[in-house]
């Protein structure tokens, strides 16, 4: 499975990402320092790498692809942090004129996503959300923060939300028979989710 999960802060992205078994969990936002996330990752047989450097993530993913290990799933939570750090690095190295820093970050992200697509593992990537505007600058919903073509790469794209203690996700794109675009799926704070196909 190759899944992109995005949503506003507190909407359950990390809660959902922690629910997968045997994760090599790339923590870019210091999520795993919070006890409930650390316990969930550990209980599911996962391990944590703390970094916001996209080059380090690329290096570690290459290592996972070339060595024997116990992990079944790569989680990057969140790719937005790596992307924004790559933009800042690009601004220092190539400048920001004509969006050079963004092109720099896009190329780094493409390198990483190409690896994820080839990896014989589940890949779960989270992104922060931002408002999306249509004609006349009318808000039409949320989208993810990062490489604009990211959504095309994944088999399943979920937008998370929360109401009280109830977490859910709307299927924004699906190449999987068991998920229908536009449907809502529910998950909870106990790090359980629907059975994956």
C-alpha atoms as a PDB file:
ATOM      1  CA  UNK A   1       0.000   0.000   0.000  1.00  0.00           C
ATOM      2  CA  UNK A   2       1.186   3.515  -0.840  1.00  0.00           C
ATOM      3  CA  UNK A   3      -0.914   5.993   1.146  1.00  0.00           C
ATOM      4  CA  UNK A   4      -0.906   9.775   1.546  1.00  0.00           C
ATOM      5  CA  UNK A   5      -2.678  11.164   4.616  1.00  0.00           C
ATOM      6  CA  UNK A   6      -3.182  14.893   5.077  1.00  0.00           C
ATOM      7  CA  UNK A   7      -5.238  17.072   7.389  1.00  0.00           C
ATOM      8  CA  UNK A   8      -5.307  20.041   9.714  1.00  0.00           C
ATOM      9  CA  UNK A   9      -3.397  19.924  13.001  1.00  0.00           C
ATOM     10  CA  UNK A  10      -4.916  17.575  15.568  1.00  0.00           C
ATOM     11  CA  UNK A  11      -7.024  15.741  12.978  1.00  0.00           C
ATOM     12  CA  UNK A  12      -5.483  12.304  13.575  1.00  0.00           C
ATOM     13  CA  UNK A  13      -2.741  11.971  10.952  1.00  0.00           C
ATOM     14  CA  UNK A  14      -0.153  10.698  13.422  1.00  0.00           C
ATOM     15  CA  UNK A  15      -2.748   8.618  15.285  1.00  0.00           C
ATOM     16  CA  UNK A  16      -3.548   6.836  12.042  1.00  0.00           C
ATOM     17  CA  UNK A  17       0.094   6.505  10.976  1.00  0.00           C
ATOM     18  CA  UNK A  18       0.957   4.913  14.350  1.00  0.00           C
ATOM     19  CA  UNK A  19      -1.646   2.181  13.814  1.00  0.00           C
ATOM     20  CA  UNK A  20       0.298   0.328  11.132  1.00  0.00           C
ATOM     21  CA  UNK A  21       2.340  -2.760  12.084  1.00  0.00           C
ATOM     22  CA  UNK A  22       6.140  -2.964  12.145  1.00  0.00           C
ATOM     23  CA  UNK A  23       6.804   0.595  11.042  1.00  0.00           C
ATOM     24  CA  UNK A  24      10.105   2.229  10.289  1.00  0.00           C
ATOM     25  CA  UNK A  25       8.729   5.532  11.559  1.00  0.00           C
ATOM     26  CA  UNK A  26      10.465   8.681  10.282  1.00  0.00           C
ATOM     27  CA  UNK A  27       9.512  11.314  12.853  1.00  0.00           C
ATOM     28  CA  UNK A  28      10.061  14.814  11.478  1.00  0.00           C
ATOM     29  CA  UNK A  29       7.896  16.686  14.005  1.00  0.00           C
ATOM     30  CA  UNK A  30       9.025  15.194  17.353  1.00  0.00           C
ATOM     31  CA  UNK A  31       5.770  13.207  17.512  1.00  0.00           C
ATOM     32  CA  UNK A  32       7.355  10.104  19.040  1.00  0.00           C
ATOM     33  CA  UNK A  33       8.490  12.066  22.107  1.00  0.00           C
ATOM     34  CA  UNK A  34       4.823  12.078  23.206  1.00  0.00           C
ATOM     35  CA  UNK A  35       4.101   9.003  25.291  1.00  0.00           C
ATOM     36  CA  UNK A  36       0.899   7.872  23.532  1.00  0.00           C
ATOM     37  CA  UNK A  37       2.583   7.853  20.103  1.00  0.00           C
ATOM     38  CA  UNK A  38       5.782   6.233  21.381  1.00  0.00           C
ATOM     39  CA  UNK A  39       3.738   3.490  23.058  1.00  0.00           C
ATOM     40  CA  UNK A  40       1.648   2.893  19.931  1.00  0.00           C
ATOM     41  CA  UNK A  41       4.693   2.644  17.654  1.00  0.00           C
ATOM     42  CA  UNK A  42       6.428   0.283  20.101  1.00  0.00           C
ATOM     43  CA  UNK A  43       3.316  -1.851  20.656  1.00  0.00           C
ATOM     44  CA  UNK A  44       2.991  -2.309  16.893  1.00  0.00           C
ATOM     45  CA  UNK A  45       6.633  -3.449  16.588  1.00  0.00           C
ATOM     46  CA  UNK A  46       7.958  -0.211  15.126  1.00  0.00           C
ATOM     47  CA  UNK A  47      11.148   1.789  15.462  1.00  0.00           C
ATOM     48  CA  UNK A  48      11.719   5.538  15.209  1.00  0.00           C
ATOM     49  CA  UNK A  49      14.209   7.622  13.231  1.00  0.00           C
ATOM     50  CA  UNK A  50      14.025  11.318  14.187  1.00  0.00           C
ATOM     51  CA  UNK A  51      15.000  13.588  11.296  1.00  0.00           C
ATOM     52  CA  UNK A  52      13.632  16.417   9.199  1.00  0.00           C
ATOM     53  CA  UNK A  53      16.368  16.106   6.577  1.00  0.00           C
ATOM     54  CA  UNK A  54      15.042  14.665   3.310  1.00  0.00           C
ATOM     55  CA  UNK A  55      18.516  13.458   2.289  1.00  0.00           C
ATOM     56  CA  UNK A  56      18.768  11.442   5.500  1.00  0.00           C
ATOM     57  CA  UNK A  57      15.327   9.956   4.882  1.00  0.00           C
ATOM     58  CA  UNK A  58      16.413   8.996   1.336  1.00  0.00           C
ATOM     59  CA  UNK A  59      19.569   7.373   2.713  1.00  0.00           C
ATOM     60  CA  UNK A  60      17.641   5.411   5.362  1.00  0.00           C
ATOM     61  CA  UNK A  61      14.998   4.259   2.855  1.00  0.00           C
ATOM     62  CA  UNK A  62      17.785   2.992   0.570  1.00  0.00           C
ATOM     63  CA  UNK A  63      19.163   1.083   3.555  1.00  0.00           C
ATOM     64  CA  UNK A  64      15.733  -0.461   4.224  1.00  0.00           C
ATOM     65  CA  UNK A  65      15.516  -1.500   0.577  1.00  0.00           C
ATOM     66  CA  UNK A  66      18.898  -3.207   0.556  1.00  0.00           C
ATOM     67  CA  UNK A  67      19.139  -4.993   3.923  1.00  0.00           C
ATOM     68  CA  UNK A  68      17.134  -7.601   5.824  1.00  0.00           C
ATOM     69  CA  UNK A  69      14.980  -6.171   8.640  1.00  0.00           C
ATOM     70  CA  UNK A  70      11.716  -6.712  10.530  1.00  0.00           C
ATOM     71  CA  UNK A  71       9.872  -3.661   9.200  1.00  0.00           C
ATOM     72  CA  UNK A  72       6.830  -3.943   6.913  1.00  0.00           C
ATOM     73  CA  UNK A  73       5.875  -0.276   6.622  1.00  0.00           C
ATOM     74  CA  UNK A  74       7.694   3.004   6.062  1.00  0.00           C
ATOM     75  CA  UNK A  75       5.981   5.973   7.718  1.00  0.00           C
ATOM     76  CA  UNK A  76       7.104   9.558   7.064  1.00  0.00           C
ATOM     77  CA  UNK A  77       5.317  11.869   9.494  1.00  0.00           C
ATOM     78  CA  UNK A  78       5.256  14.473   8.081  1.00  0.00           C
ATOM     79  CA  UNK A  79       6.779  14.943   4.651  1.00  0.00           C
ATOM     80  CA  UNK A  80       5.772  18.623   4.841  1.00  0.00           C
ATOM     81  CA  UNK A  81       8.568  19.278   7.336  1.00  0.00           C
ATOM     82  CA  UNK A  82      11.171  17.630   5.082  1.00  0.00           C
ATOM     83  CA  UNK A  83       9.836  19.535   2.077  1.00  0.00           C
ATOM     84  CA  UNK A  84       9.958  22.918   3.807  1.00  0.00           C
ATOM     85  CA  UNK A  85      13.456  22.183   5.127  1.00  0.00           C
ATOM     86  CA  UNK A  86      14.528  21.306   1.560  1.00  0.00           C
ATOM     87  CA  UNK A  87      13.055  24.609   0.327  1.00  0.00           C
ATOM     88  CA  UNK A  88      15.085  26.492   2.953  1.00  0.00           C
ATOM     89  CA  UNK A  89      18.212  24.583   1.946  1.00  0.00           C
ATOM     90  CA  UNK A  90      17.467  25.326  -1.711  1.00  0.00           C
ATOM     91  CA  UNK A  91      17.103  29.021  -0.969  1.00  0.00           C
ATOM     92  CA  UNK A  92      20.578  29.008   0.599  1.00  0.00           C
ATOM     93  CA  UNK A  93      22.124  27.015  -2.254  1.00  0.00           C
ATOM     94  CA  UNK A  94      20.370  28.242  -5.419  1.00  0.00           C
ATOM     95  CA  UNK A  95      18.308  31.254  -4.295  1.00  0.00           C
ATOM     96  CA  UNK A  96      14.564  31.792  -4.523  1.00  0.00           C
ATOM     97  CA  UNK A  97      14.357  33.736  -7.810  1.00  0.00           C
ATOM     98  CA  UNK A  98      11.806  32.162 -10.180  1.00  0.00           C
ATOM     99  CA  UNK A  99      10.972  29.570  -7.512  1.00  0.00           C
ATOM    100  CA  UNK A 100      14.364  27.884  -7.694  1.00  0.00           C
ATOM    101  CA  UNK A 101      14.166  26.839  -4.046  1.00  0.00           C
ATOM    102  CA  UNK A 102      10.808  25.148  -4.676  1.00  0.00           C
ATOM    103  CA  UNK A 103      12.157  23.315  -7.745  1.00  0.00           C
ATOM    104  CA  UNK A 104      15.075  22.170  -5.571  1.00  0.00           C
ATOM    105  CA  UNK A 105      12.667  20.765  -2.942  1.00  0.00           C
ATOM    106  CA  UNK A 106      10.460  19.201  -5.658  1.00  0.00           C
ATOM    107  CA  UNK A 107      13.442  17.327  -7.107  1.00  0.00           C
ATOM    108  CA  UNK A 108      14.436  16.018  -3.672  1.00  0.00           C
ATOM    109  CA  UNK A 109      10.846  14.903  -3.056  1.00  0.00           C
ATOM    110  CA  UNK A 110      10.664  13.164  -6.447  1.00  0.00           C
ATOM    111  CA  UNK A 111      13.835  11.246  -5.603  1.00  0.00           C
ATOM    112  CA  UNK A 112      12.274  10.080  -2.323  1.00  0.00           C
ATOM    113  CA  UNK A 113       8.882   9.170  -3.793  1.00  0.00           C
ATOM    114  CA  UNK A 114      10.519   7.195  -6.610  1.00  0.00           C
ATOM    115  CA  UNK A 115      12.245   5.117  -3.921  1.00  0.00           C
ATOM    116  CA  UNK A 116       9.011   4.664  -1.983  1.00  0.00           C
ATOM    117  CA  UNK A 117       7.237   3.411  -5.102  1.00  0.00           C
ATOM    118  CA  UNK A 118       9.961   0.800  -5.658  1.00  0.00           C
ATOM    119  CA  UNK A 119      10.161  -0.284  -2.020  1.00  0.00           C
ATOM    120  CA  UNK A 120       8.633  -3.692  -1.306  1.00  0.00           C
ATOM    121  CA  UNK A 121       6.979  -2.258   1.800  1.00  0.00           C
ATOM    122  CA  UNK A 122       3.828  -0.371   2.696  1.00  0.00           C
ATOM    123  CA  UNK A 123       4.527   3.376   2.547  1.00  0.00           C
ATOM    124  CA  UNK A 124       2.500   5.854   4.583  1.00  0.00           C
ATOM    125  CA  UNK A 125       3.240   9.558   4.156  1.00  0.00           C
ATOM    126  CA  UNK A 126       1.536  12.331   6.105  1.00  0.00           C
ATOM    127  CA  UNK A 127       1.369  16.002   5.142  1.00  0.00           C
ATOM    128  CA  UNK A 128       0.081  19.101   6.836  1.00  0.00           C
ATOM    129  CA  UNK A 129      -2.934  20.779   5.245  1.00  0.00           C
ATOM    130  CA  UNK A 130      -3.583  24.247   3.885  1.00  0.00           C
ATOM    131  CA  UNK A 131      -6.630  26.012   2.514  1.00  0.00           C
ATOM    132  CA  UNK A 132      -7.267  25.593  -1.223  1.00  0.00           C
ATOM    133  CA  UNK A 133      -8.874  28.454  -3.141  1.00  0.00           C
ATOM    134  CA  UNK A 134     -10.811  28.482  -6.406  1.00  0.00           C
ATOM    135  CA  UNK A 135     -12.296  31.206  -8.579  1.00  0.00           C
ATOM    136  CA  UNK A 136     -12.510  34.605  -6.918  1.00  0.00           C
ATOM    137  CA  UNK A 137     -10.311  33.342  -4.077  1.00  0.00           C
ATOM    138  CA  UNK A 138     -13.245  31.351  -2.704  1.00  0.00           C
ATOM    139  CA  UNK A 139     -12.155  28.640  -0.260  1.00  0.00           C
ATOM    140  CA  UNK A 140     -12.979  25.231  -1.749  1.00  0.00           C
ATOM    141  CA  UNK A 141     -11.450  22.973   0.909  1.00  0.00           C
ATOM    142  CA  UNK A 142      -8.048  21.808   2.071  1.00  0.00           C
ATOM    143  CA  UNK A 143      -5.093  20.328   0.247  1.00  0.00           C
ATOM    144  CA  UNK A 144      -1.694  19.045   1.355  1.00  0.00           C
ATOM    145  CA  UNK A 145       1.440  21.158   1.807  1.00  0.00           C
ATOM    146  CA  UNK A 146       4.310  19.895  -0.335  1.00  0.00           C
ATOM    147  CA  UNK A 147       5.216  18.810  -3.847  1.00  0.00           C
ATOM    148  CA  UNK A 148       2.084  19.590  -5.880  1.00  0.00           C
ATOM    149  CA  UNK A 149       2.045  16.288  -7.800  1.00  0.00           C
ATOM    150  CA  UNK A 150       2.334  14.148  -4.665  1.00  0.00           C
ATOM    151  CA  UNK A 151      -1.301  13.039  -4.801  1.00  0.00           C
ATOM    152  CA  UNK A 152      -0.825  11.438  -8.214  1.00  0.00           C
ATOM    153  CA  UNK A 153       1.802   9.059  -6.871  1.00  0.00           C
ATOM    154  CA  UNK A 154      -0.164   7.286  -4.140  1.00  0.00           C
ATOM    155  CA  UNK A 155      -2.753   4.493  -4.353  1.00  0.00           C
ATOM    156  CA  UNK A 156      -4.868   6.012  -1.608  1.00  0.00           C
ATOM    157  CA  UNK A 157      -5.198   9.633  -0.453  1.00  0.00           C
ATOM    158  CA  UNK A 158      -7.028  10.336   2.816  1.00  0.00           C
ATOM    159  CA  UNK A 159      -8.007  13.670   4.369  1.00  0.00           C
ATOM    160  CA  UNK A 160      -8.372  13.358   8.139  1.00  0.00           C
ATOM    161  CA  UNK A 161     -10.717  15.256  10.439  1.00  0.00           C
ATOM    162  CA  UNK A 162     -11.823  15.087  14.054  1.00  0.00           C
ATOM    163  CA  UNK A 163     -15.018  15.916  15.925  1.00  0.00           C
ATOM    164  CA  UNK A 164     -14.641  15.562  19.683  1.00  0.00           C
ATOM    165  CA  UNK A 165     -13.025  12.137  20.170  1.00  0.00           C
ATOM    166  CA  UNK A 166     -14.167  10.785  16.824  1.00  0.00           C
ATOM    167  CA  UNK A 167     -11.521  10.640  14.108  1.00  0.00           C
ATOM    168  CA  UNK A 168     -12.391   9.994  10.485  1.00  0.00           C
ATOM    169  CA  UNK A 169     -10.942  10.322   7.023  1.00  0.00           C
ATOM    170  CA  UNK A 170     -12.495  11.078   3.654  1.00  0.00           C
ATOM    171  CA  UNK A 171     -11.160   9.098   0.713  1.00  0.00           C
ATOM    172  CA  UNK A 172      -9.948  11.729  -1.762  1.00  0.00           C
ATOM    173  CA  UNK A 173      -8.467   9.228  -4.241  1.00  0.00           C
ATOM    174  CA  UNK A 174      -8.434   5.452  -4.421  1.00  0.00           C
ATOM    175  CA  UNK A 175      -6.952   2.800  -6.687  1.00  0.00           C
ATOM    176  CA  UNK A 176      -8.094   0.123  -4.218  1.00  0.00           C
ATOM    177  CA  UNK A 177     -11.356  -1.820  -4.532  1.00  0.00           C
ATOM    178  CA  UNK A 178     -12.081  -1.642  -0.810  1.00  0.00           C
ATOM    179  CA  UNK A 179     -12.006   2.177  -0.679  1.00  0.00           C
ATOM    180  CA  UNK A 180     -14.430   4.336  -2.647  1.00  0.00           C
ATOM    181  CA  UNK A 181     -13.549   7.936  -3.500  1.00  0.00           C
ATOM    182  CA  UNK A 182     -15.725  10.274  -1.424  1.00  0.00           C
ATOM    183  CA  UNK A 183     -16.575   7.767   1.310  1.00  0.00           C
ATOM    184  CA  UNK A 184     -15.786   8.392   4.973  1.00  0.00           C
ATOM    185  CA  UNK A 185     -13.871   5.865   7.076  1.00  0.00           C
ATOM    186  CA  UNK A 186     -13.604   6.042  10.871  1.00  0.00           C
ATOM    187  CA  UNK A 187     -10.705   5.326  13.190  1.00  0.00           C
ATOM    188  CA  UNK A 188     -10.113   6.048  16.876  1.00  0.00           C
ATOM    189  CA  UNK A 189      -7.585   7.108  19.472  1.00  0.00           C
ATOM    190  CA  UNK A 190      -6.793   3.491  20.355  1.00  0.00           C
ATOM    191  CA  UNK A 191      -4.688   3.222  17.208  1.00  0.00           C
ATOM    192  CA  UNK A 192      -7.030   0.794  15.522  1.00  0.00           C
ATOM    193  CA  UNK A 193      -8.237   1.186  11.993  1.00  0.00           C
ATOM    194  CA  UNK A 194     -10.240  -0.769   9.483  1.00  0.00           C
ATOM    195  CA  UNK A 195      -8.721  -3.971   8.155  1.00  0.00           C
ATOM    196  CA  UNK A 196      -6.505  -3.221   5.200  1.00  0.00           C
ATOM    197  CA  UNK A 197      -6.978  -5.317   2.064  1.00  0.00           C
END
